[in-house]
PDB file of N, CA and C in Angstrom:
ATOM      1  N   UNK A   1      -7.018  12.051  11.318  1.00  0.00           N
ATOM      2  CA  UNK A   1      -6.302  11.001  12.193  1.00  0.00           C
ATOM      3  C   UNK A   1      -6.373  10.257  11.167  1.00  0.00           C
ATOM      4  N   UNK A   2      -5.661   8.889  11.050  1.00  0.00           N
ATOM      5  CA  UNK A   2      -5.765   8.045   9.575  1.00  0.00           C
ATOM      6  C   UNK A   2      -5.483   6.567  10.383  1.00  0.00           C
ATOM      7  N   UNK A   3      -7.162   5.722   9.560  1.00  0.00           N
ATOM      8  CA  UNK A   3      -6.958   4.493  10.438  1.00  0.00           C
ATOM      9  C   UNK A   3      -7.228   3.615   9.524  1.00  0.00           C
ATOM     10  N   UNK A   4      -6.493   2.379   9.632  1.00  0.00           N
ATOM     11  CA  UNK A   4      -6.388   1.267   8.496  1.00  0.00           C
ATOM     12  C   UNK A   4      -7.284   0.270   8.848  1.00  0.00           C
ATOM     13  N   UNK A   5      -8.310  -0.499   8.287  1.00  0.00           N
ATOM     14  CA  UNK A   5      -8.754  -1.638   8.198  1.00  0.00           C
ATOM     15  C   UNK A   5      -8.053  -2.824   8.724  1.00  0.00           C
ATOM     16  N   UNK A   6      -7.470  -3.684   9.579  1.00  0.00           N
ATOM     17  CA  UNK A   6      -6.417  -5.005   9.961  1.00  0.00           C
ATOM     18  C   UNK A   6      -7.280  -6.091  10.671  1.00  0.00           C
ATOM     19  N   UNK A   7      -8.644  -5.278  10.712  1.00  0.00           N
ATOM     20  CA  UNK A   7      -9.210  -6.621  11.125  1.00  0.00           C
ATOM     21  C   UNK A   7     -10.399  -7.574  10.604  1.00  0.00           C
ATOM     22  N   UNK A   8     -11.224  -8.120  10.705  1.00  0.00           N
ATOM     23  CA  UNK A   8     -12.263  -8.221  10.856  1.00  0.00           C
ATOM     24  C   UNK A   8     -13.777  -7.222  11.320  1.00  0.00           C
ATOM     25  N   UNK A   9     -13.948  -6.670  10.619  1.00  0.00           N
ATOM     26  CA  UNK A   9     -15.437  -6.184  11.542  1.00  0.00           C
ATOM     27  C   UNK A   9     -16.220  -6.926  11.795  1.00  0.00           C
ATOM     28  N   UNK A  10     -16.388  -7.594  13.423  1.00  0.00           N
ATOM     29  CA  UNK A  10     -17.471  -7.601  13.794  1.00  0.00           C
ATOM     30  C   UNK A  10     -18.980  -7.348  12.926  1.00  0.00           C
ATOM     31  N   UNK A  11     -19.700  -8.676  13.402  1.00  0.00           N
ATOM     32  CA  UNK A  11     -21.149  -8.172  12.174  1.00  0.00           C
ATOM     33  C   UNK A  11     -21.259  -7.417  11.465  1.00  0.00           C
ATOM     34  N   UNK A  12     -20.540  -7.688  10.703  1.00  0.00           N
ATOM     35  CA  UNK A  12     -20.554  -6.901   9.413  1.00  0.00           C
ATOM     36  C   UNK A  12     -21.295  -7.158   8.000  1.00  0.00           C
ATOM     37  N   UNK A  13     -21.551  -8.058   7.541  1.00  0.00           N
ATOM     38  CA  UNK A  13     -22.656  -8.838   7.123  1.00  0.00           C
ATOM     39  C   UNK A  13     -24.003 -10.198   8.014  1.00  0.00           C
ATOM     40  N   UNK A  14     -24.781  -9.179   7.137  1.00  0.00           N
ATOM     41  CA  UNK A  14     -25.982 -10.065   7.907  1.00  0.00           C
ATOM     42  C   UNK A  14     -25.892 -11.734   7.511  1.00  0.00           C
ATOM     43  N   UNK A  15     -26.345 -12.304   8.683  1.00  0.00           N
ATOM     44  CA  UNK A  15     -25.821 -13.739   8.195  1.00  0.00           C
ATOM     45  C   UNK A  15     -26.428 -14.400   7.536  1.00  0.00           C
ATOM     46  N   UNK A  16     -27.347 -14.088   6.851  1.00  0.00           N
ATOM     47  CA  UNK A  16     -27.935 -14.318   5.644  1.00  0.00           C
ATOM     48  C   UNK A  16     -27.648 -13.958   4.706  1.00  0.00           C
ATOM     49  N   UNK A  17     -26.847 -12.855   4.742  1.00  0.00           N
ATOM     50  CA  UNK A  17     -26.136 -12.648   2.864  1.00  0.00           C
ATOM     51  C   UNK A  17     -24.955 -13.153   3.489  1.00  0.00           C
ATOM     52  N   UNK A  18     -24.158 -14.067   4.183  1.00  0.00           N
ATOM     53  CA  UNK A  18     -22.818 -14.385   4.112  1.00  0.00           C
ATOM     54  C   UNK A  18     -22.292 -15.374   2.808  1.00  0.00           C
ATOM     55  N   UNK A  19     -23.867 -16.304   3.209  1.00  0.00           N
ATOM     56  CA  UNK A  19     -23.422 -17.806   1.973  1.00  0.00           C
ATOM     57  C   UNK A  19     -23.669 -17.600   1.047  1.00  0.00           C
ATOM     58  N   UNK A  20     -24.361 -16.553   0.084  1.00  0.00           N
ATOM     59  CA  UNK A  20     -24.244 -15.733  -1.594  1.00  0.00           C
ATOM     60  C   UNK A  20     -23.499 -14.962  -1.625  1.00  0.00           C
ATOM     61  N   UNK A  21     -22.828 -14.106  -0.389  1.00  0.00           N
ATOM     62  CA  UNK A  21     -21.442 -13.833  -0.940  1.00  0.00           C
ATOM     63  C   UNK A  21     -20.354 -14.970  -0.931  1.00  0.00           C
ATOM     64  N   UNK A  22     -20.613 -16.261   0.149  1.00  0.00           N
ATOM     65  CA  UNK A  22     -19.480 -17.287  -0.546  1.00  0.00           C
ATOM     66  C   UNK A  22     -19.085 -17.762  -1.531  1.00  0.00           C
ATOM     67  N   UNK A  23     -20.321 -18.022  -2.150  1.00  0.00           N
ATOM     68  CA  UNK A  23     -21.149 -18.389  -2.924  1.00  0.00           C
ATOM     69  C   UNK A  23     -20.579 -17.580  -4.712  1.00  0.00           C
ATOM     70  N   UNK A  24     -20.031 -16.543  -4.348  1.00  0.00           N
ATOM     71  CA  UNK A  24     -19.711 -14.896  -5.800  1.00  0.00           C
ATOM     72  C   UNK A  24     -17.868 -16.057  -5.876  1.00  0.00           C
ATOM     73  N   UNK A  25     -17.366 -15.904  -4.413  1.00  0.00           N
ATOM     74  CA  UNK A  25     -16.021 -16.209  -4.658  1.00  0.00           C
ATOM     75  C   UNK A  25     -15.535 -17.182  -4.475  1.00  0.00           C
ATOM     76  N   UNK A  26     -16.629 -18.270  -4.649  1.00  0.00           N
ATOM     77  CA  UNK A  26     -15.934 -19.996  -4.894  1.00  0.00           C
ATOM     78  C   UNK A  26     -15.163 -20.137  -5.799  1.00  0.00           C
ATOM     79  N   UNK A  27     -15.065 -20.207  -6.943  1.00  0.00           N
ATOM     80  CA  UNK A  27     -14.427 -20.211  -7.984  1.00  0.00           C
ATOM     81  C   UNK A  27     -13.088 -19.736  -7.709  1.00  0.00           C
ATOM     82  N   UNK A  28     -13.008 -17.757  -7.402  1.00  0.00           N
ATOM     83  CA  UNK A  28     -11.816 -17.701  -7.056  1.00  0.00           C
ATOM     84  C   UNK A  28     -11.140 -18.639  -6.047  1.00  0.00           C
ATOM     85  N   UNK A  29     -11.699 -18.750  -5.292  1.00  0.00           N
ATOM     86  CA  UNK A  29     -11.385 -19.290  -4.216  1.00  0.00           C
ATOM     87  C   UNK A  29     -10.436 -20.710  -4.202  1.00  0.00           C
ATOM     88  N   UNK A  30     -11.262 -21.820  -5.348  1.00  0.00           N
ATOM     89  CA  UNK A  30     -10.743 -22.972  -5.732  1.00  0.00           C
ATOM     90  C   UNK A  30      -9.386 -22.744  -6.425  1.00  0.00           C
ATOM     91  N   UNK A  31      -9.634 -22.091  -7.388  1.00  0.00           N
ATOM     92  CA  UNK A  31      -8.670 -21.543  -8.356  1.00  0.00           C
ATOM     93  C   UNK A  31      -7.129 -20.840  -6.836  1.00  0.00           C
ATOM     94  N   UNK A  32      -7.332 -21.045  -5.751  1.00  0.00           N
ATOM     95  CA  UNK A  32      -6.649 -20.135  -5.215  1.00  0.00           C
ATOM     96  C   UNK A  32      -5.936 -21.483  -4.594  1.00  0.00           C
ATOM     97  N   UNK A  33      -6.369 -23.027  -5.387  1.00  0.00           N
ATOM     98  CA  UNK A  33      -6.034 -23.870  -3.662  1.00  0.00           C
ATOM     99  C   UNK A  33      -7.046 -24.346  -2.590  1.00  0.00           C
ATOM    100  N   UNK A  34      -8.075 -23.384  -2.458  1.00  0.00           N
ATOM    101  CA  UNK A  34      -8.685 -23.534  -0.975  1.00  0.00           C
ATOM    102  C   UNK A  34      -9.994 -24.788  -1.392  1.00  0.00           C
ATOM    103  N   UNK A  35     -10.151 -25.394   0.066  1.00  0.00           N
ATOM    104  CA  UNK A  35     -11.165 -26.372   0.073  1.00  0.00           C
ATOM    105  C   UNK A  35     -12.739 -26.402  -0.680  1.00  0.00           C
ATOM    106  N   UNK A  36     -13.216 -25.568  -0.449  1.00  0.00           N
ATOM    107  CA  UNK A  36     -14.431 -24.901  -0.340  1.00  0.00           C
ATOM    108  C   UNK A  36     -15.597 -24.606  -0.054  1.00  0.00           C
ATOM    109  N   UNK A  37     -15.342 -24.811   1.876  1.00  0.00           N
ATOM    110  CA  UNK A  37     -16.264 -25.422   3.017  1.00  0.00           C
ATOM    111  C   UNK A  37     -16.084 -24.206   3.347  1.00  0.00           C
ATOM    112  N   UNK A  38     -16.954 -23.870   4.196  1.00  0.00           N
ATOM    113  CA  UNK A  38     -17.939 -22.235   4.513  1.00  0.00           C
ATOM    114  C   UNK A  38     -16.564 -22.092   4.823  1.00  0.00           C
ATOM    115  N   UNK A  39     -16.159 -22.792   6.335  1.00  0.00           N
ATOM    116  CA  UNK A  39     -15.223 -21.758   7.303  1.00  0.00           C
ATOM    117  C   UNK A  39     -13.854 -21.460   6.351  1.00  0.00           C
ATOM    118  N   UNK A  40     -13.258 -21.850   5.797  1.00  0.00           N
ATOM    119  CA  UNK A  40     -12.332 -21.648   4.137  1.00  0.00           C
ATOM    120  C   UNK A  40     -12.722 -20.818   3.159  1.00  0.00           C
ATOM    121  N   UNK A  41     -13.673 -20.384   3.101  1.00  0.00           N
ATOM    122  CA  UNK A  41     -14.627 -19.615   2.094  1.00  0.00           C
ATOM    123  C   UNK A  41     -14.378 -18.719   3.036  1.00  0.00           C
ATOM    124  N   UNK A  42     -14.903 -18.329   3.904  1.00  0.00           N
ATOM    125  CA  UNK A  42     -14.813 -17.035   4.707  1.00  0.00           C
ATOM    126  C   UNK A  42     -13.914 -16.863   5.070  1.00  0.00           C
ATOM    127  N   UNK A  43     -13.028 -17.284   5.490  1.00  0.00           N
ATOM    128  CA  UNK A  43     -10.821 -17.077   5.357  1.00  0.00           C
ATOM    129  C   UNK A  43     -10.459 -16.267   4.124  1.00  0.00           C
ATOM    130  N   UNK A  44     -10.765 -17.111   2.867  1.00  0.00           N
ATOM    131  CA  UNK A  44     -10.280 -16.475   2.073  1.00  0.00           C
ATOM    132  C   UNK A  44     -10.559 -14.787   1.523  1.00  0.00           C
ATOM    133  N   UNK A  45     -11.842 -14.891   2.314  1.00  0.00           N
ATOM    134  CA  UNK A  45     -12.932 -13.415   1.735  1.00  0.00           C
ATOM    135  C   UNK A  45     -11.811 -12.699   2.875  1.00  0.00           C
ATOM    136  N   UNK A  46     -11.708 -12.745   3.768  1.00  0.00           N
ATOM    137  CA  UNK A  46     -11.365 -12.190   5.382  1.00  0.00           C
ATOM    138  C   UNK A  46     -10.083 -11.595   4.251  1.00  0.00           C
ATOM    139  N   UNK A  47      -8.838 -12.939   3.823  1.00  0.00           N
ATOM    140  CA  UNK A  47      -7.572 -12.574   3.243  1.00  0.00           C
ATOM    141  C   UNK A  47      -7.357 -11.156   2.531  1.00  0.00           C
ATOM    142  N   UNK A  48      -9.317 -11.151   1.117  1.00  0.00           N
ATOM    143  CA  UNK A  48      -9.082 -10.950  -0.224  1.00  0.00           C
ATOM    144  C   UNK A  48      -9.377  -9.368   0.210  1.00  0.00           C
ATOM    145  N   UNK A  49     -10.451  -9.611   1.924  1.00  0.00           N
ATOM    146  CA  UNK A  49     -10.546  -7.859   1.588  1.00  0.00           C
ATOM    147  C   UNK A  49      -9.415  -7.329   2.787  1.00  0.00           C
ATOM    148  N   UNK A  50      -8.594  -7.846   3.050  1.00  0.00           N
ATOM    149  CA  UNK A  50      -7.542  -7.578   3.936  1.00  0.00           C
ATOM    150  C   UNK A  50      -6.371  -6.995   3.116  1.00  0.00           C
ATOM    151  N   UNK A  51      -6.023  -7.584   1.786  1.00  0.00           N
ATOM    152  CA  UNK A  51      -5.208  -6.831   1.147  1.00  0.00           C
ATOM    153  C   UNK A  51      -5.833  -6.335   0.155  1.00  0.00           C
ATOM    154  N   UNK A  52      -7.139  -6.286  -0.538  1.00  0.00           N
ATOM    155  CA  UNK A  52      -7.387  -5.136  -1.143  1.00  0.00           C
ATOM    156  C   UNK A  52      -7.903  -3.655  -1.131  1.00  0.00           C
ATOM    157  N   UNK A  53      -8.899  -3.630   0.724  1.00  0.00           N
ATOM    158  CA  UNK A  53      -9.269  -3.029   1.104  1.00  0.00           C
ATOM    159  C   UNK A  53      -8.842  -1.732   1.973  1.00  0.00           C
ATOM    160  N   UNK A  54      -8.235  -1.083   1.227  1.00  0.00           N
ATOM    161  CA  UNK A  54      -7.660   0.200   2.301  1.00  0.00           C
ATOM    162  C   UNK A  54      -8.859   1.650   2.408  1.00  0.00           C
ATOM    163  N   UNK A  55      -9.112   2.262   3.795  1.00  0.00           N
ATOM    164  CA  UNK A  55      -9.902   2.560   3.950  1.00  0.00           C
ATOM    165  C   UNK A  55      -9.330   4.006   4.752  1.00  0.00           C
ATOM    166  N   UNK A  56      -9.786   4.985   4.834  1.00  0.00           N
ATOM    167  CA  UNK A  56      -9.182   6.086   5.396  1.00  0.00           C
ATOM    168  C   UNK A  56     -10.315   7.389   5.908  1.00  0.00           C
ATOM    169  N   UNK A  57     -10.718   7.748   7.208  1.00  0.00           N
ATOM    170  CA  UNK A  57     -11.560   8.158   8.041  1.00  0.00           C
ATOM    171  C   UNK A  57     -10.533   9.051   8.585  1.00  0.00           C
ATOM    172  N   UNK A  58     -11.056  10.346   8.245  1.00  0.00           N
ATOM    173  CA  UNK A  58     -11.294  11.514   8.817  1.00  0.00           C
ATOM    174  C   UNK A  58     -11.701  11.932  10.133  1.00  0.00           C
ATOM    175  N   UNK A  59     -11.439  12.586  11.336  1.00  0.00           N
ATOM    176  CA  UNK A  59     -12.203  12.957  12.163  1.00  0.00           C
ATOM    177  C   UNK A  59     -11.930  13.762  13.133  1.00  0.00           C
ATOM    178  N   UNK A  60     -12.290  15.209  13.658  1.00  0.00           N
ATOM    179  CA  UNK A  60     -11.398  15.920  14.751  1.00  0.00           C
ATOM    180  C   UNK A  60     -11.500  15.118  16.279  1.00  0.00           C
ATOM    181  N   UNK A  61     -10.445  15.029  16.984  1.00  0.00           N
ATOM    182  CA  UNK A  61     -10.309  13.847  18.072  1.00  0.00           C
ATOM    183  C   UNK A  61     -10.909  15.234  19.141  1.00  0.00           C
ATOM    184  N   UNK A  62     -11.387  16.584  18.938  1.00  0.00           N
ATOM    185  CA  UNK A  62     -11.747  17.428  19.769  1.00  0.00           C
ATOM    186  C   UNK A  62     -13.039  17.143  20.029  1.00  0.00           C
ATOM    187  N   UNK A  63     -14.062  17.155  20.605  1.00  0.00           N
ATOM    188  CA  UNK A  63     -15.351  17.838  21.173  1.00  0.00           C
ATOM    189  C   UNK A  63     -16.054  15.725  21.820  1.00  0.00           C
ATOM    190  N   UNK A  64     -16.758  16.497  21.840  1.00  0.00           N
ATOM    191  CA  UNK A  64     -17.782  15.328  22.583  1.00  0.00           C
ATOM    192  C   UNK A  64     -18.556  14.002  21.276  1.00  0.00           C
ATOM    193  N   UNK A  65     -18.676  14.395  20.079  1.00  0.00           N
ATOM    194  CA  UNK A  65     -18.990  13.845  18.600  1.00  0.00           C
ATOM    195  C   UNK A  65     -18.136  13.101  18.856  1.00  0.00           C
ATOM    196  N   UNK A  66     -16.894  13.012  18.935  1.00  0.00           N
ATOM    197  CA  UNK A  66     -15.857  12.092  18.595  1.00  0.00           C
ATOM    198  C   UNK A  66     -15.588  10.955  19.697  1.00  0.00           C
ATOM    199  N   UNK A  67     -15.871  11.410  20.593  1.00  0.00           N
ATOM    200  CA  UNK A  67     -16.241  10.475  22.160  1.00  0.00           C
ATOM    201  C   UNK A  67     -17.686   9.066  21.770  1.00  0.00           C
ATOM    202  N   UNK A  68     -18.468   9.742  21.458  1.00  0.00           N
ATOM    203  CA  UNK A  68     -19.829   9.427  20.877  1.00  0.00           C
ATOM    204  C   UNK A  68     -20.047   8.699  20.336  1.00  0.00           C
ATOM    205  N   UNK A  69     -18.618   8.598  18.878  1.00  0.00           N
ATOM    206  CA  UNK A  69     -18.814   7.772  17.580  1.00  0.00           C
ATOM    207  C   UNK A  69     -18.400   6.492  18.264  1.00  0.00           C
ATOM    208  N   UNK A  70     -17.017   7.019  18.904  1.00  0.00           N
ATOM    209  CA  UNK A  70     -16.044   5.830  19.423  1.00  0.00           C
ATOM    210  C   UNK A  70     -16.861   4.525  20.120  1.00  0.00           C
ATOM    211  N   UNK A  71     -17.692   5.591  21.059  1.00  0.00           N
ATOM    212  CA  UNK A  71     -18.837   4.149  21.922  1.00  0.00           C
ATOM    213  C   UNK A  71     -19.567   4.228  20.783  1.00  0.00           C
ATOM    214  N   UNK A  72     -20.195   4.136  20.310  1.00  0.00           N
ATOM    215  CA  UNK A  72     -21.116   3.634  19.632  1.00  0.00           C
ATOM    216  C   UNK A  72     -20.666   2.612  18.907  1.00  0.00           C
ATOM    217  N   UNK A  73     -19.590   3.053  18.401  1.00  0.00           N
ATOM    218  CA  UNK A  73     -18.946   2.308  16.987  1.00  0.00           C
ATOM    219  C   UNK A  73     -17.024   1.184  17.747  1.00  0.00           C
ATOM    220  N   UNK A  74     -17.218   0.791  18.876  1.00  0.00           N
ATOM    221  CA  UNK A  74     -16.136  -0.058  19.124  1.00  0.00           C
ATOM    222  C   UNK A  74     -15.194  -0.815  18.467  1.00  0.00           C
ATOM    223  N   UNK A  75     -15.599  -0.895  17.364  1.00  0.00           N
ATOM    224  CA  UNK A  75     -14.544  -2.090  16.234  1.00  0.00           C
ATOM    225  C   UNK A  75     -13.419  -0.256  15.766  1.00  0.00           C
ATOM    226  N   UNK A  76     -13.844   1.022  16.061  1.00  0.00           N
ATOM    227  CA  UNK A  76     -12.901   1.915  15.621  1.00  0.00           C
ATOM    228  C   UNK A  76     -11.843   2.256  16.073  1.00  0.00           C
ATOM    229  N   UNK A  77     -11.357   1.595  17.446  1.00  0.00           N
ATOM    230  CA  UNK A  77     -10.799   1.690  18.308  1.00  0.00           C
ATOM    231  C   UNK A  77     -10.305   0.237  18.447  1.00  0.00           C
ATOM    232  N   UNK A  78     -10.734  -1.410  18.693  1.00  0.00           N
ATOM    233  CA  UNK A  78     -10.440  -2.077  18.477  1.00  0.00           C
ATOM    234  C   UNK A  78     -10.244  -3.005  17.407  1.00  0.00           C
ATOM    235  N   UNK A  79     -10.847  -2.816  16.280  1.00  0.00           N
ATOM    236  CA  UNK A  79     -10.330  -3.590  14.894  1.00  0.00           C
ATOM    237  C   UNK A  79      -9.696  -2.692  13.666  1.00  0.00           C
ATOM    238  N   UNK A  80      -8.817  -1.199  14.590  1.00  0.00           N
ATOM    239  CA  UNK A  80      -8.295  -0.611  13.449  1.00  0.00           C
ATOM    240  C   UNK A  80      -6.985   0.296  14.035  1.00  0.00           C
ATOM    241  N   UNK A  81      -6.468   0.855  13.703  1.00  0.00           N
ATOM    242  CA  UNK A  81      -5.034   1.647  13.396  1.00  0.00           C
ATOM    243  C   UNK A  81      -4.966   2.774  13.462  1.00  0.00           C
ATOM    244  N   UNK A  82      -5.178   3.919  14.380  1.00  0.00           N
ATOM    245  CA  UNK A  82      -5.581   5.086  14.571  1.00  0.00           C
ATOM    246  C   UNK A  82      -3.925   5.203  14.375  1.00  0.00           C
ATOM    247  N   UNK A  83      -3.827   6.453  13.361  1.00  0.00           N
ATOM    248  CA  UNK A  83      -2.243   7.387  13.426  1.00  0.00           C
ATOM    249  C   UNK A  83      -2.799   9.011  14.073  1.00  0.00           C
ATOM    250  N   UNK A  84      -2.226   9.681  14.362  1.00  0.00           N
ATOM    251  CA  UNK A  84      -2.926  10.444  14.717  1.00  0.00           C
ATOM    252  C   UNK A  84      -1.723  12.517  14.084  1.00  0.00           C
ATOM    253  N   UNK A  85      -1.862  12.873  13.475  1.00  0.00           N
ATOM    254  CA  UNK A  85      -1.549  13.798  12.860  1.00  0.00           C
ATOM    255  C   UNK A  85      -1.948  15.061  12.918  1.00  0.00           C
ATOM    256  N   UNK A  86      -0.659  15.715  13.603  1.00  0.00           N
ATOM    257  CA  UNK A  86      -0.538  17.059  13.649  1.00  0.00           C
ATOM    258  C   UNK A  86      -0.406  18.482  12.859  1.00  0.00           C
ATOM    259  N   UNK A  87      -0.532  19.111  13.041  1.00  0.00           N
ATOM    260  CA  UNK A  87      -0.933  19.768  11.379  1.00  0.00           C
ATOM    261  C   UNK A  87       1.246  19.910  11.401  1.00  0.00           C
ATOM    262  N   UNK A  88       1.228  20.510   9.759  1.00  0.00           N
ATOM    263  CA  UNK A  88       2.818  20.065   8.978  1.00  0.00           C
ATOM    264  C   UNK A  88       3.033  21.635   9.253  1.00  0.00           C
ATOM    265  N   UNK A  89       4.579  22.150   9.720  1.00  0.00           N
ATOM    266  CA  UNK A  89       4.853  23.427   9.554  1.00  0.00           C
ATOM    267  C   UNK A  89       5.145  23.372   7.124  1.00  0.00           C
ATOM    268  N   UNK A  90       4.717  24.364   7.240  1.00  0.00           N
ATOM    269  CA  UNK A  90       4.615  25.127   5.427  1.00  0.00           C
ATOM    270  C   UNK A  90       6.090  23.955   4.459  1.00  0.00           C
ATOM    271  N   UNK A  91       7.097  24.288   5.432  1.00  0.00           N
ATOM    272  CA  UNK A  91       8.739  24.067   4.991  1.00  0.00           C
ATOM    273  C   UNK A  91       8.455  22.906   4.801  1.00  0.00           C
ATOM    274  N   UNK A  92       8.025  21.964   5.732  1.00  0.00           N
ATOM    275  CA  UNK A  92       7.635  20.490   5.425  1.00  0.00           C
ATOM    276  C   UNK A  92       7.201  20.115   4.309  1.00  0.00           C
ATOM    277  N   UNK A  93       5.921  20.509   4.185  1.00  0.00           N
ATOM    278  CA  UNK A  93       4.350  19.986   3.247  1.00  0.00           C
ATOM    279  C   UNK A  93       5.643  20.870   1.970  1.00  0.00           C
ATOM    280  N   UNK A  94       6.187  21.633   1.859  1.00  0.00           N
ATOM    281  CA  UNK A  94       6.462  21.576   0.592  1.00  0.00           C
ATOM    282  C   UNK A  94       7.726  20.870  -0.152  1.00  0.00           C
ATOM    283  N   UNK A  95       8.676  20.428   0.771  1.00  0.00           N
ATOM    284  CA  UNK A  95      10.069  19.365   1.116  1.00  0.00           C
ATOM    285  C   UNK A  95       9.143  18.320   0.548  1.00  0.00           C
ATOM    286  N   UNK A  96       8.619  17.799   0.724  1.00  0.00           N
ATOM    287  CA  UNK A  96       8.045  16.583   0.732  1.00  0.00           C
ATOM    288  C   UNK A  96       6.990  16.891  -0.475  1.00  0.00           C
ATOM    289  N   UNK A  97       6.236  17.711  -1.195  1.00  0.00           N
ATOM    290  CA  UNK A  97       6.068  17.900  -2.246  1.00  0.00           C
ATOM    291  C   UNK A  97       7.014  18.316  -2.866  1.00  0.00           C
ATOM    292  N   UNK A  98       8.489  18.322  -3.390  1.00  0.00           N
ATOM    293  CA  UNK A  98       9.192  18.417  -4.578  1.00  0.00           C
ATOM    294  C   UNK A  98       9.891  17.518  -4.351  1.00  0.00           C
ATOM    295  N   UNK A  99       9.845  17.002  -3.712  1.00  0.00           N
ATOM    296  CA  UNK A  99      10.744  15.664  -3.492  1.00  0.00           C
ATOM    297  C   UNK A  99      10.364  14.451  -4.260  1.00  0.00           C
ATOM    298  N   UNK A 100       8.827  14.475  -3.668  1.00  0.00           N
ATOM    299  CA  UNK A 100       8.071  13.441  -4.344  1.00  0.00           C
ATOM    300  C   UNK A 100       7.595  13.863  -6.452  1.00  0.00           C
ATOM    301  N   UNK A 101       7.548  15.119  -6.564  1.00  0.00           N
ATOM    302  CA  UNK A 101       7.246  15.477  -7.418  1.00  0.00           C
ATOM    303  C   UNK A 101       8.711  15.519  -8.673  1.00  0.00           C
ATOM    304  N   UNK A 102      10.375  15.713  -7.928  1.00  0.00           N
ATOM    305  CA  UNK A 102      11.682  15.281  -8.834  1.00  0.00           C
ATOM    306  C   UNK A 102      11.378  14.161  -8.369  1.00  0.00           C
ATOM    307  N   UNK A 103      11.085  12.643  -8.070  1.00  0.00           N
ATOM    308  CA  UNK A 103      10.650  11.657  -8.440  1.00  0.00           C
ATOM    309  C   UNK A 103      10.046  10.886  -9.590  1.00  0.00           C
ATOM    310  N   UNK A 104       9.042  11.599  -9.832  1.00  0.00           N
ATOM    311  CA  UNK A 104       8.003  11.503 -10.919  1.00  0.00           C
ATOM    312  C   UNK A 104       8.067  12.198 -11.955  1.00  0.00           C
ATOM    313  N   UNK A 105       9.092  13.239 -12.323  1.00  0.00           N
ATOM    314  CA  UNK A 105       9.184  13.771 -13.505  1.00  0.00           C
ATOM    315  C   UNK A 105      10.552  12.921 -13.524  1.00  0.00           C
TER     316      UNK A 105
END
């Protein structure tokens, strides 16, 4: 299973950590033409995260552990893209690898 972060994760940072975080990107945001307000800085921070953060989580969809994780962390379903992958035939894997290596060399 492949998941991409496509939205902000609620309550990712405690409120007391947000202001110091935004202070660290204030200079960069001003260079990008942002006005420097807390709301504008936070939106800019989220944009940077969406652009630069790529996260992959792999979990087996079988059994109770998967259902338990989804109930404990609803953002895995609500704020992520889930792609289900099944096993590929060996011939397909060989074909993809051969074409990829051919384009690199």
